[in-house]
Amino acid sequence: MGLTDNNDITGKIIGCAMHVHTELGTGFQEIIYHRALEIELSYNNISFISEKEMPIYYRNINIGTRRVDLFVNGSVMVELKAVARLEDIHLAQAINYLEAYNIDTGLLINFGSASLQFKRLFNKNFKPLKRSSN
């Protein structure tokens, strides 16, 4: 999936998140926003996997797994927060996940502030996997 496609899908995800934030406001736990966003994505016919378990590699050896909040359209990682404001540590963590999973594009979305906060993230170290021609 190309950058333009990912920009299009991230725009749609942000639109869904804005709708959820407008409807629910602030003050709920992250899981409530997560569930509401799943419903909104489904209503908008956007494919996703919730809590997708992803392997983490060190020197090409699987050293564990971590769950991605939402993996959308087979290409975009979405990390959700419900905190008063996004901190640098949240951004660093999300970028680290993109690199660990070798995912090109991500979104960090925070429902905990008065206005929805979001950051589009790009993995500068992304390495497209070569597909076999079989």
N, C-alpha and C. Protein backbone atom coordinates (compact mmCIF):
# COMPACT_ATOMS: atom_id res chain seq x y z
N MET A 1 0.84 -1.17 0.00
CA MET A 1 0.00 0.00 0.00
C MET A 1 0.89 1.23 0.00
N GLY A 2 0.60 2.19 -0.84
CA GLY A 2 1.43 3.37 -0.98
C GLY A 2 1.13 4.43 0.05
N LEU A 3 1.99 5.44 0.09
CA LEU A 3 1.85 6.54 1.04
C LEU A 3 0.53 7.26 0.85
N THR A 4 0.11 7.49 -0.40
CA THR A 4 -1.15 8.17 -0.65
C THR A 4 -2.31 7.37 -0.09
N ASP A 5 -2.30 6.05 -0.29
CA ASP A 5 -3.35 5.19 0.27
C ASP A 5 -3.37 5.27 1.78
N ASN A 6 -2.19 5.25 2.41
CA ASN A 6 -2.13 5.33 3.87
C ASN A 6 -2.58 6.70 4.37
N ASN A 7 -2.28 7.77 3.63
CA ASN A 7 -2.77 9.09 4.02
C ASN A 7 -4.28 9.13 3.96
N ASP A 8 -4.86 8.50 2.95
CA ASP A 8 -6.31 8.44 2.80
C ASP A 8 -6.93 7.68 3.97
N ILE A 9 -6.37 6.52 4.30
CA ILE A 9 -6.95 5.71 5.38
C ILE A 9 -6.74 6.38 6.73
N THR A 10 -5.59 7.03 6.95
CA THR A 10 -5.40 7.72 8.24
C THR A 10 -6.39 8.87 8.37
N GLY A 11 -6.69 9.54 7.27
CA GLY A 11 -7.70 10.61 7.30
C GLY A 11 -9.06 10.07 7.70
N LYS A 12 -9.42 8.90 7.17
CA LYS A 12 -10.70 8.28 7.52
C LYS A 12 -10.73 7.85 8.99
N ILE A 13 -9.62 7.31 9.48
CA ILE A 13 -9.54 6.89 10.88
C ILE A 13 -9.69 8.11 11.79
N ILE A 14 -9.00 9.19 11.46
CA ILE A 14 -9.09 10.42 12.25
C ILE A 14 -10.53 10.93 12.26
N GLY A 15 -11.20 10.88 11.11
CA GLY A 15 -12.61 11.29 11.05
C GLY A 15 -13.48 10.46 11.98
N CYS A 16 -13.25 9.15 12.00
CA CYS A 16 -14.00 8.26 12.90
C CYS A 16 -13.70 8.61 14.36
N ALA A 17 -12.43 8.85 14.67
CA ALA A 17 -12.03 9.19 16.04
C ALA A 17 -12.66 10.51 16.47
N MET A 18 -12.74 11.47 15.56
CA MET A 18 -13.37 12.76 15.88
C MET A 18 -14.85 12.57 16.21
N HIS A 19 -15.50 11.70 15.46
CA HIS A 19 -16.91 11.42 15.73
C HIS A 19 -17.08 10.80 17.12
N VAL A 20 -16.24 9.85 17.45
CA VAL A 20 -16.28 9.21 18.78
C VAL A 20 -16.05 10.26 19.86
N HIS A 21 -15.05 11.10 19.69
CA HIS A 21 -14.72 12.12 20.70
C HIS A 21 -15.86 13.11 20.86
N THR A 22 -16.49 13.50 19.77
CA THR A 22 -17.63 14.42 19.83
C THR A 22 -18.79 13.80 20.60
N GLU A 23 -19.04 12.53 20.34
CA GLU A 23 -20.16 11.84 20.99
C GLU A 23 -19.91 11.55 22.47
N LEU A 24 -18.70 11.09 22.81
CA LEU A 24 -18.42 10.65 24.18
C LEU A 24 -17.77 11.73 25.05
N GLY A 25 -17.06 12.68 24.44
CA GLY A 25 -16.33 13.66 25.23
C GLY A 25 -15.15 13.02 25.93
N THR A 26 -14.70 13.65 27.01
CA THR A 26 -13.55 13.14 27.75
C THR A 26 -14.00 12.44 29.03
N GLY A 27 -13.06 11.76 29.69
CA GLY A 27 -13.34 11.22 31.01
C GLY A 27 -13.49 9.71 31.09
N PHE A 28 -13.49 9.03 29.97
CA PHE A 28 -13.63 7.58 29.99
C PHE A 28 -12.26 6.91 29.92
N GLN A 29 -12.24 5.63 30.29
CA GLN A 29 -11.01 4.85 30.15
C GLN A 29 -10.77 4.55 28.67
N GLU A 30 -9.52 4.26 28.36
CA GLU A 30 -9.12 3.98 26.98
C GLU A 30 -9.97 2.89 26.33
N ILE A 31 -10.32 1.85 27.07
CA ILE A 31 -11.07 0.73 26.50
C ILE A 31 -12.43 1.16 25.96
N ILE A 32 -13.06 2.16 26.58
CA ILE A 32 -14.35 2.66 26.11
C ILE A 32 -14.20 3.31 24.74
N TYR A 33 -13.17 4.15 24.61
CA TYR A 33 -12.91 4.79 23.31
C TYR A 33 -12.51 3.75 22.26
N HIS A 34 -11.75 2.76 22.69
CA HIS A 34 -11.33 1.68 21.79
C HIS A 34 -12.57 0.99 21.21
N ARG A 35 -13.49 0.61 22.07
CA ARG A 35 -14.70 -0.10 21.61
C ARG A 35 -15.55 0.79 20.72
N ALA A 36 -15.68 2.07 21.10
CA ALA A 36 -16.48 2.99 20.29
C ALA A 36 -15.84 3.20 18.91
N LEU A 37 -14.51 3.29 18.87
CA LEU A 37 -13.83 3.47 17.59
C LEU A 37 -13.98 2.23 16.72
N GLU A 38 -13.97 1.05 17.32
CA GLU A 38 -14.22 -0.18 16.56
C GLU A 38 -15.59 -0.12 15.88
N ILE A 39 -16.59 0.34 16.62
CA ILE A 39 -17.95 0.45 16.07
C ILE A 39 -17.96 1.46 14.92
N GLU A 40 -17.32 2.60 15.13
CA GLU A 40 -17.30 3.65 14.10
C GLU A 40 -16.57 3.19 12.84
N LEU A 41 -15.45 2.50 13.02
CA LEU A 41 -14.73 1.96 11.86
C LEU A 41 -15.60 0.97 11.10
N SER A 42 -16.30 0.11 11.83
CA SER A 42 -17.19 -0.87 11.19
C SER A 42 -18.31 -0.17 10.42
N TYR A 43 -18.92 0.86 11.03
CA TYR A 43 -19.98 1.61 10.35
C TYR A 43 -19.49 2.24 9.07
N ASN A 44 -18.20 2.55 9.02
CA ASN A 44 -17.61 3.19 7.84
C ASN A 44 -16.93 2.19 6.91
N ASN A 45 -17.19 0.90 7.13
CA ASN A 45 -16.64 -0.18 6.28
C ASN A 45 -15.13 -0.13 6.16
N ILE A 46 -14.47 0.18 7.27
CA ILE A 46 -13.01 0.20 7.31
C ILE A 46 -12.56 -1.07 8.02
N SER A 47 -11.77 -1.89 7.34
CA SER A 47 -11.35 -3.17 7.92
C SER A 47 -10.25 -2.95 8.96
N PHE A 48 -10.32 -3.72 10.03
CA PHE A 48 -9.33 -3.61 11.10
C PHE A 48 -9.26 -4.91 11.88
N ILE A 49 -8.14 -5.06 12.58
CA ILE A 49 -7.98 -6.14 13.55
C ILE A 49 -7.72 -5.46 14.88
N SER A 50 -8.49 -5.81 15.88
CA SER A 50 -8.33 -5.23 17.21
C SER A 50 -7.39 -6.10 18.04
N GLU A 51 -6.51 -5.44 18.79
CA GLU A 51 -5.58 -6.14 19.69
C GLU A 51 -4.75 -7.18 18.93
N LYS A 52 -4.29 -6.81 17.74
CA LYS A 52 -3.48 -7.74 16.93
C LYS A 52 -2.14 -7.99 17.60
N GLU A 53 -1.85 -9.26 17.83
CA GLU A 53 -0.57 -9.62 18.43
C GLU A 53 0.51 -9.62 17.35
N MET A 54 1.57 -8.87 17.61
CA MET A 54 2.65 -8.71 16.63
C MET A 54 3.96 -9.18 17.24
N PRO A 55 4.78 -9.90 16.46
CA PRO A 55 6.08 -10.36 16.98
C PRO A 55 7.09 -9.21 17.04
N ILE A 56 7.98 -9.29 17.99
CA ILE A 56 9.09 -8.34 18.11
C ILE A 56 10.37 -9.13 17.93
N TYR A 57 11.23 -8.63 17.04
CA TYR A 57 12.47 -9.32 16.70
C TYR A 57 13.69 -8.53 17.15
N TYR A 58 14.69 -9.27 17.56
CA TYR A 58 16.01 -8.72 17.83
C TYR A 58 17.00 -9.60 17.08
N ARG A 59 17.76 -9.01 16.18
CA ARG A 59 18.71 -9.76 15.34
C ARG A 59 18.03 -10.96 14.66
N ASN A 60 16.86 -10.67 14.13
CA ASN A 60 16.06 -11.67 13.42
C ASN A 60 15.59 -12.83 14.29
N ILE A 61 15.62 -12.65 15.60
CA ILE A 61 15.12 -13.68 16.52
C ILE A 61 13.90 -13.11 17.23
N ASN A 62 12.81 -13.87 17.22
CA ASN A 62 11.58 -13.44 17.89
C ASN A 62 11.82 -13.45 19.39
N ILE A 63 11.69 -12.28 20.02
CA ILE A 63 11.94 -12.17 21.46
C ILE A 63 10.66 -11.91 22.25
N GLY A 64 9.54 -11.89 21.57
CA GLY A 64 8.29 -11.67 22.28
C GLY A 64 7.24 -11.07 21.36
N THR A 65 6.12 -10.75 21.96
CA THR A 65 5.03 -10.15 21.20
C THR A 65 4.45 -8.98 21.98
N ARG A 66 3.72 -8.15 21.27
CA ARG A 66 2.98 -7.06 21.87
C ARG A 66 1.73 -6.85 21.03
N ARG A 67 0.68 -6.42 21.66
CA ARG A 67 -0.57 -6.19 20.93
C ARG A 67 -0.66 -4.74 20.46
N VAL A 68 -1.04 -4.59 19.21
CA VAL A 68 -1.33 -3.28 18.63
C VAL A 68 -2.81 -3.01 18.90
N ASP A 69 -3.14 -1.80 19.38
CA ASP A 69 -4.54 -1.49 19.67
C ASP A 69 -5.43 -1.80 18.47
N LEU A 70 -5.10 -1.21 17.33
CA LEU A 70 -5.84 -1.48 16.10
C LEU A 70 -4.86 -1.55 14.93
N PHE A 71 -5.06 -2.52 14.08
CA PHE A 71 -4.27 -2.63 12.85
C PHE A 71 -5.28 -2.48 11.72
N VAL A 72 -5.23 -1.34 11.04
CA VAL A 72 -6.29 -0.94 10.12
C VAL A 72 -5.87 -1.14 8.67
N ASN A 73 -6.78 -1.74 7.91
CA ASN A 73 -6.60 -1.90 6.47
C ASN A 73 -5.33 -2.67 6.11
N GLY A 74 -4.84 -3.47 7.03
CA GLY A 74 -3.65 -4.26 6.79
C GLY A 74 -2.37 -3.47 6.67
N SER A 75 -2.41 -2.18 7.05
CA SER A 75 -1.21 -1.36 6.83
C SER A 75 -0.96 -0.26 7.86
N VAL A 76 -1.94 0.12 8.66
CA VAL A 76 -1.78 1.26 9.57
C VAL A 76 -1.96 0.81 11.01
N MET A 77 -0.95 1.08 11.84
CA MET A 77 -1.01 0.80 13.27
C MET A 77 -1.66 2.00 13.97
N VAL A 78 -2.63 1.74 14.84
CA VAL A 78 -3.28 2.80 15.60
C VAL A 78 -3.08 2.52 17.08
N GLU A 79 -2.46 3.46 17.77
CA GLU A 79 -2.28 3.39 19.22
C GLU A 79 -3.22 4.41 19.85
N LEU A 80 -3.98 3.97 20.84
CA LEU A 80 -4.95 4.83 21.50
C LEU A 80 -4.50 5.20 22.90
N LYS A 81 -4.84 6.41 23.31
CA LYS A 81 -4.57 6.90 24.66
C LYS A 81 -5.81 7.63 25.16
N ALA A 82 -5.94 7.73 26.48
CA ALA A 82 -6.97 8.54 27.11
C ALA A 82 -6.32 9.25 28.30
N VAL A 83 -5.42 10.17 27.98
CA VAL A 83 -4.64 10.91 28.98
C VAL A 83 -4.90 12.40 28.81
N ALA A 84 -4.59 13.20 29.84
CA ALA A 84 -4.85 14.64 29.79
C ALA A 84 -4.15 15.30 28.60
N ARG A 85 -2.93 14.86 28.33
CA ARG A 85 -2.23 15.36 27.13
C ARG A 85 -1.16 14.36 26.72
N LEU A 86 -0.89 14.34 25.44
CA LEU A 86 0.16 13.46 24.92
C LEU A 86 1.52 13.98 25.36
N GLU A 87 2.36 13.07 25.79
CA GLU A 87 3.72 13.42 26.20
C GLU A 87 4.69 12.85 25.17
N ASP A 88 5.93 13.33 25.23
CA ASP A 88 6.96 12.83 24.31
C ASP A 88 7.14 11.32 24.42
N ILE A 89 6.97 10.77 25.63
CA ILE A 89 7.14 9.33 25.83
C ILE A 89 6.10 8.54 25.03
N HIS A 90 4.87 9.06 24.91
CA HIS A 90 3.84 8.38 24.12
C HIS A 90 4.23 8.34 22.65
N LEU A 91 4.74 9.46 22.17
CA LEU A 91 5.17 9.55 20.77
C LEU A 91 6.36 8.62 20.51
N ALA A 92 7.34 8.64 21.41
CA ALA A 92 8.52 7.78 21.26
C ALA A 92 8.12 6.31 21.27
N GLN A 93 7.20 5.95 22.17
CA GLN A 93 6.74 4.57 22.26
C GLN A 93 6.06 4.13 20.96
N ALA A 94 5.20 4.96 20.41
CA ALA A 94 4.49 4.61 19.18
C ALA A 94 5.45 4.47 18.01
N ILE A 95 6.43 5.36 17.91
CA ILE A 95 7.43 5.26 16.84
C ILE A 95 8.25 3.99 17.01
N ASN A 96 8.60 3.67 18.25
CA ASN A 96 9.34 2.44 18.54
C ASN A 96 8.56 1.22 18.07
N TYR A 97 7.25 1.20 18.30
CA TYR A 97 6.42 0.08 17.85
C TYR A 97 6.43 -0.02 16.32
N LEU A 98 6.31 1.11 15.62
CA LEU A 98 6.35 1.09 14.15
C LEU A 98 7.62 0.42 13.67
N GLU A 99 8.74 0.80 14.28
CA GLU A 99 10.03 0.25 13.87
C GLU A 99 10.15 -1.23 14.24
N ALA A 100 9.71 -1.59 15.45
CA ALA A 100 9.81 -2.98 15.89
C ALA A 100 8.98 -3.91 15.02
N TYR A 101 7.82 -3.43 14.53
CA TYR A 101 6.94 -4.25 13.71
C TYR A 101 7.18 -4.07 12.22
N ASN A 102 8.07 -3.16 11.85
CA ASN A 102 8.33 -2.82 10.44
C ASN A 102 7.03 -2.43 9.73
N ILE A 103 6.31 -1.50 10.35
CA ILE A 103 5.09 -0.94 9.77
C ILE A 103 5.42 0.48 9.31
N ASP A 104 4.95 0.83 8.13
CA ASP A 104 5.27 2.12 7.52
C ASP A 104 4.58 3.30 8.20
N THR A 105 3.29 3.17 8.50
CA THR A 105 2.48 4.30 8.93
C THR A 105 1.72 3.97 10.20
N GLY A 106 1.60 4.96 11.08
CA GLY A 106 0.85 4.78 12.30
C GLY A 106 0.11 6.04 12.70
N LEU A 107 -0.79 5.87 13.64
CA LEU A 107 -1.52 6.99 14.23
C LEU A 107 -1.47 6.84 15.73
N LEU A 108 -1.24 7.94 16.42
CA LEU A 108 -1.35 8.01 17.87
C LEU A 108 -2.53 8.93 18.14
N ILE A 109 -3.56 8.41 18.79
CA ILE A 109 -4.79 9.17 19.01
C ILE A 109 -5.06 9.25 20.51
N ASN A 110 -5.31 10.47 20.99
CA ASN A 110 -5.61 10.69 22.40
C ASN A 110 -7.01 11.26 22.56
N PHE A 111 -7.86 10.51 23.27
CA PHE A 111 -9.23 10.93 23.53
C PHE A 111 -9.37 11.68 24.86
N GLY A 112 -8.30 11.78 25.65
CA GLY A 112 -8.41 12.32 27.00
C GLY A 112 -8.38 13.82 27.14
N SER A 113 -8.06 14.54 26.08
CA SER A 113 -8.00 16.00 26.15
C SER A 113 -9.31 16.61 25.65
N ALA A 114 -9.51 17.89 25.94
CA ALA A 114 -10.75 18.57 25.54
C ALA A 114 -10.97 18.49 24.03
N SER A 115 -9.91 18.62 23.26
CA SER A 115 -9.96 18.43 21.81
C SER A 115 -9.20 17.15 21.48
N LEU A 116 -9.71 16.40 20.52
CA LEU A 116 -9.02 15.18 20.11
C LEU A 116 -7.60 15.51 19.66
N GLN A 117 -6.64 14.76 20.16
CA GLN A 117 -5.25 14.92 19.73
C GLN A 117 -4.87 13.72 18.89
N PHE A 118 -4.14 13.97 17.81
CA PHE A 118 -3.65 12.86 17.00
C PHE A 118 -2.35 13.26 16.33
N LYS A 119 -1.54 12.24 16.08
CA LYS A 119 -0.28 12.43 15.36
C LYS A 119 -0.17 11.32 14.34
N ARG A 120 0.11 11.71 13.09
CA ARG A 120 0.46 10.72 12.07
C ARG A 120 1.94 10.40 12.24
N LEU A 121 2.26 9.14 12.19
CA LEU A 121 3.64 8.69 12.41
C LEU A 121 4.13 7.91 11.19
N PHE A 122 5.40 8.11 10.89
CA PHE A 122 6.00 7.41 9.75
C PHE A 122 7.30 6.76 10.18
N ASN A 123 7.50 5.54 9.77
CA ASN A 123 8.69 4.77 10.11
C ASN A 123 9.78 5.07 9.09
N LYS A 124 10.78 5.84 9.51
CA LYS A 124 11.89 6.20 8.62
C LYS A 124 12.75 4.98 8.26
N ASN A 125 12.66 3.93 9.07
CA ASN A 125 13.47 2.73 8.84
C ASN A 125 12.67 1.60 8.19
N PHE A 126 11.49 1.91 7.66
CA PHE A 126 10.62 0.90 7.06
C PHE A 126 11.33 0.20 5.91
N LYS A 127 11.24 -1.13 5.90
CA LYS A 127 11.83 -1.94 4.83
C LYS A 127 10.73 -2.79 4.23
N PRO A 128 10.25 -2.42 3.02
CA PRO A 128 9.20 -3.24 2.39
C PRO A 128 9.67 -4.68 2.24
N LEU A 129 8.81 -5.60 2.56
CA LEU A 129 9.14 -7.02 2.43
C LEU A 129 9.07 -7.40 0.96
N LYS A 130 10.05 -8.16 0.53
CA LYS A 130 10.05 -8.65 -0.86
C LYS A 130 9.09 -9.82 -0.94
N ARG A 131 8.22 -9.75 -1.91
CA ARG A 131 7.25 -10.82 -2.12
C ARG A 131 7.80 -11.80 -3.15
N SER A 132 7.61 -13.08 -2.86
CA SER A 132 8.07 -14.08 -3.85
C SER A 132 7.08 -14.09 -5.01
N SER A 133 7.55 -14.47 -6.17
CA SER A 133 6.70 -14.46 -7.37
C SER A 133 6.04 -15.82 -7.61
N ASN A 134 6.00 -16.67 -6.58
CA ASN A 134 5.40 -18.01 -6.73
C ASN A 134 3.91 -17.90 -6.83
